[in-house]
Amino acid sequence: MKVKEKIILDSNFKMAMDKLDVLKDKLALSDLLKEKAVHMYKKIIEKNTLKGRSIDAMVAAVIYVSCRDSETSHNLNDITDATGLRKKSIAKCYRAILTNLNLQIPVSDIRQCFLRIANDMEISEKTKQYATTILDNAKKRNHLEGKNPMAIVAAVIYLASIDSGEKISQQELAKTARVTEVTIRNRCKGLRSIG
């Protein structure tokens, strides 16, 4: 490696670590999670994955990968809010990291998403019970694979609210789950089709 390239990489790494420290504080991340993110960022530099990508977006993506890998409750929306970056740019870097580092990240635990939305919306126990039944049924029939867990949970809660007679609007659910109303309607159609 040429001296000039090494200086640039060292400078990029220092900037990335400063940004990582800021995000660690904003998101209240553990030291262990930060160490995991630093280690991953070093691998990114070694594999030359950084070329042509924003340091900010790569740092955000590294944090997202680390959160997903350690099953920490921060989702992409949380990281988008903390960074002020577009979700699309972070997601693009996230995919590049997974591909270039050949990582297998576990699927988000849909129960965590369910509890998060249910608690934020303060839904009734009756609706929670109906929603749990619908969710279990969808899980048994492999209807959750490859779908945004927050969208699935929003749809499940919406369908459960109809069954229990609790009035919850799609608009309110969409806002809480940070998905669109159209996405909720599409997930509802899919869930109804499996019974």
Protein backbone atom coordinates (compact mmCIF):
# COMPACT_ATOMS: atom_id res chain seq x y z
CA MET A 1 0.00 0.00 0.00
CA LYS A 2 1.29 3.42 -0.89
CA VAL A 3 2.04 5.90 1.88
CA LYS A 4 -0.56 8.37 0.60
CA GLU A 5 -3.30 5.68 0.60
CA LYS A 6 -2.34 4.65 4.15
CA ILE A 7 -2.58 8.27 5.36
CA ILE A 8 -6.04 8.61 3.78
CA LEU A 9 -7.21 5.33 5.32
CA ASP A 10 -5.88 6.32 8.75
CA SER A 11 -7.64 9.67 8.44
CA ASN A 12 -10.90 7.98 7.36
CA PHE A 13 -10.64 5.52 10.25
CA LYS A 14 -10.16 8.33 12.78
CA MET A 15 -13.16 10.23 11.39
CA ALA A 16 -15.23 7.05 11.48
CA MET A 17 -14.29 6.38 15.11
CA ASP A 18 -15.27 9.94 16.09
CA LYS A 19 -18.65 9.45 14.39
CA LEU A 20 -19.02 6.07 16.05
CA ASP A 21 -18.45 7.63 19.48
CA VAL A 22 -21.17 10.22 18.82
CA LEU A 23 -23.64 7.55 17.72
CA LYS A 24 -22.73 5.33 20.67
CA ASP A 25 -23.80 8.13 22.99
CA LYS A 26 -26.94 9.04 21.01
CA LEU A 27 -28.16 5.46 20.89
CA ALA A 28 -26.84 4.50 24.35
CA LEU A 29 -24.92 1.54 22.94
CA SER A 30 -22.81 -0.76 25.07
CA ASP A 31 -19.02 -0.79 24.94
CA LEU A 32 -19.16 -4.35 23.66
CA LEU A 33 -21.37 -3.34 20.76
CA LYS A 34 -19.02 -0.45 19.95
CA GLU A 35 -16.04 -2.82 19.95
CA LYS A 36 -17.90 -5.10 17.55
CA ALA A 37 -18.60 -2.12 15.26
CA VAL A 38 -14.93 -1.00 15.37
CA HIS A 39 -13.74 -4.51 14.52
CA MET A 40 -16.18 -4.67 11.60
CA TYR A 41 -15.12 -1.25 10.33
CA LYS A 42 -11.49 -2.43 10.29
CA LYS A 43 -12.53 -5.42 8.19
CA ILE A 44 -14.34 -3.07 5.81
CA ILE A 45 -11.14 -1.09 5.33
CA GLU A 46 -9.13 -4.28 4.78
CA LYS A 47 -11.60 -5.54 2.15
CA ASN A 48 -11.67 -2.11 0.46
CA THR A 49 -15.47 -1.94 0.87
CA LEU A 50 -15.34 1.74 1.82
CA LYS A 51 -14.34 2.94 -1.64
CA GLY A 52 -16.91 5.33 -3.08
CA ARG A 53 -19.16 5.22 -0.01
CA SER A 54 -19.95 7.82 2.59
CA ILE A 55 -18.11 7.34 5.90
CA ASP A 56 -21.25 8.49 7.74
CA ALA A 57 -23.43 5.89 6.02
CA MET A 58 -20.86 3.13 6.52
CA VAL A 59 -20.56 3.93 10.24
CA ALA A 60 -24.34 3.90 10.56
CA ALA A 61 -24.51 0.60 8.67
CA VAL A 62 -21.78 -0.93 10.84
CA ILE A 63 -23.77 0.01 13.93
CA TYR A 64 -26.93 -1.44 12.38
CA VAL A 65 -25.15 -4.71 11.53
CA SER A 66 -23.73 -4.86 15.07
CA CYS A 67 -27.18 -4.22 16.59
CA ARG A 68 -28.81 -6.86 14.40
CA ASP A 69 -26.06 -9.37 15.08
CA SER A 70 -26.27 -8.91 18.84
CA GLU A 71 -30.09 -8.70 18.70
CA THR A 72 -30.11 -5.24 20.25
CA SER A 73 -33.46 -3.52 19.94
CA HIS A 74 -32.29 -0.62 17.74
CA ASN A 75 -33.76 -0.81 14.28
CA LEU A 76 -32.91 1.00 11.06
CA ASN A 77 -35.36 3.81 11.87
CA ASP A 78 -33.61 4.48 15.19
CA ILE A 79 -30.26 4.72 13.44
CA THR A 80 -31.71 6.91 10.70
CA ASP A 81 -33.08 9.29 13.34
CA ALA A 82 -29.79 9.39 15.23
CA THR A 83 -27.70 10.07 12.13
CA GLY A 84 -30.03 12.21 10.05
CA LEU A 85 -29.07 10.09 7.02
CA ARG A 86 -31.48 8.64 4.50
CA LYS A 87 -32.60 5.10 5.28
CA LYS A 88 -31.84 4.08 1.70
CA SER A 89 -28.14 5.05 1.92
CA ILE A 90 -27.67 3.18 5.22
CA ALA A 91 -29.48 0.12 3.86
CA LYS A 92 -27.29 0.14 0.74
CA CYS A 93 -24.13 0.17 2.87
CA TYR A 94 -25.63 -2.51 5.13
CA ARG A 95 -26.11 -4.81 2.13
CA ALA A 96 -22.55 -4.06 0.93
CA ILE A 97 -21.17 -5.01 4.35
CA LEU A 98 -23.12 -8.27 4.46
CA THR A 99 -22.00 -9.18 0.94
CA ASN A 100 -18.34 -8.17 1.22
CA LEU A 101 -17.80 -9.62 4.69
CA ASN A 102 -19.96 -12.67 3.94
CA LEU A 103 -22.04 -12.21 7.10
CA GLN A 104 -25.19 -14.06 8.10
CA ILE A 105 -27.29 -11.84 10.35
CA PRO A 106 -30.18 -13.32 12.34
CA VAL A 107 -33.67 -12.14 11.47
CA SER A 108 -35.05 -9.59 13.92
CA ASP A 109 -37.03 -11.13 16.72
CA ILE A 110 -40.58 -10.27 15.78
CA ARG A 111 -41.65 -10.55 19.43
CA GLN A 112 -39.42 -7.58 20.32
CA CYS A 113 -41.05 -5.57 17.54
CA PHE A 114 -44.47 -6.65 18.77
CA LEU A 115 -43.77 -5.60 22.36
CA ARG A 116 -42.32 -2.30 21.22
CA ILE A 117 -45.36 -1.32 19.14
CA ALA A 118 -47.90 -2.77 21.59
CA ASN A 119 -46.36 -0.81 24.46
CA ASP A 120 -46.03 2.41 22.46
CA MET A 121 -49.68 2.21 21.42
CA GLU A 122 -50.93 0.95 24.79
CA ILE A 123 -53.20 -1.64 23.22
CA SER A 124 -55.56 -3.73 25.34
CA GLU A 125 -54.71 -7.19 26.63
CA LYS A 126 -57.54 -8.62 24.53
CA THR A 127 -56.02 -7.18 21.34
CA LYS A 128 -52.56 -8.40 22.39
CA GLN A 129 -53.93 -11.94 22.80
CA TYR A 130 -55.62 -11.87 19.38
CA ALA A 131 -52.45 -10.43 17.84
CA THR A 132 -50.29 -13.15 19.42
CA THR A 133 -52.56 -15.82 17.94
CA ILE A 134 -52.39 -14.27 14.46
CA LEU A 135 -48.61 -13.87 14.76
CA ASP A 136 -48.12 -17.49 15.86
CA ASN A 137 -50.30 -18.69 12.98
CA ALA A 138 -48.28 -16.62 10.47
CA LYS A 139 -45.02 -17.93 11.93
CA LYS A 140 -46.18 -21.57 11.65
CA ARG A 141 -47.00 -21.04 7.99
CA ASN A 142 -43.65 -19.32 7.26
CA HIS A 143 -45.40 -16.10 6.28
CA LEU A 144 -42.84 -13.86 8.03
CA GLU A 145 -39.71 -14.64 6.00
CA GLY A 146 -38.19 -11.70 4.14
CA LYS A 147 -40.75 -9.18 5.34
CA ASN A 148 -40.20 -6.10 7.48
CA PRO A 149 -41.01 -7.26 11.04
CA MET A 150 -42.41 -3.85 11.98
CA ALA A 151 -44.83 -3.98 9.04
CA ILE A 152 -45.95 -7.51 9.92
CA VAL A 153 -46.50 -6.54 13.55
CA ALA A 154 -48.45 -3.41 12.57
CA ALA A 155 -50.70 -5.51 10.31
CA VAL A 156 -51.16 -8.16 12.99
CA ILE A 157 -52.13 -5.54 15.57
CA TYR A 158 -54.51 -3.89 13.10
CA LEU A 159 -56.25 -7.21 12.33
CA ALA A 160 -56.37 -8.09 16.03
CA SER A 161 -57.90 -4.70 16.85
CA ILE A 162 -60.70 -5.39 14.37
CA ASP A 163 -61.34 -8.81 15.95
CA SER A 164 -61.34 -7.39 19.48
CA GLY A 165 -63.41 -4.30 18.64
CA GLU A 166 -60.64 -1.89 19.68
CA LYS A 167 -60.39 1.10 17.37
CA ILE A 168 -56.85 1.54 16.11
CA SER A 169 -56.26 3.45 12.89
CA GLN A 170 -53.87 2.31 10.20
CA GLN A 171 -52.47 5.83 10.19
CA GLU A 172 -51.61 5.67 13.89
CA LEU A 173 -50.08 2.21 13.50
CA ALA A 174 -48.09 3.29 10.45
CA LYS A 175 -46.68 6.24 12.36
CA THR A 176 -45.73 4.11 15.37
CA ALA A 177 -44.23 1.27 13.28
CA ARG A 178 -42.68 3.75 10.83
CA VAL A 179 -44.06 2.06 7.77
CA THR A 180 -46.66 3.25 5.27
CA GLU A 181 -50.38 2.59 5.50
CA VAL A 182 -50.15 0.89 2.11
CA THR A 183 -47.57 -1.52 3.53
CA ILE A 184 -49.89 -2.34 6.43
CA ARG A 185 -52.78 -2.98 4.03
CA ASN A 186 -50.58 -5.25 1.89
CA ARG A 187 -49.41 -7.23 4.92
CA CYS A 188 -53.04 -7.51 6.10
CA LYS A 189 -54.04 -9.02 2.73
CA GLY A 190 -51.23 -11.55 3.03
CA LEU A 191 -52.15 -12.45 6.59
CA ARG A 192 -55.85 -12.84 5.72
CA SER A 193 -54.95 -15.15 2.83
CA ILE A 194 -53.31 -17.65 5.21
CA GLY A 195 -56.38 -17.75 7.46
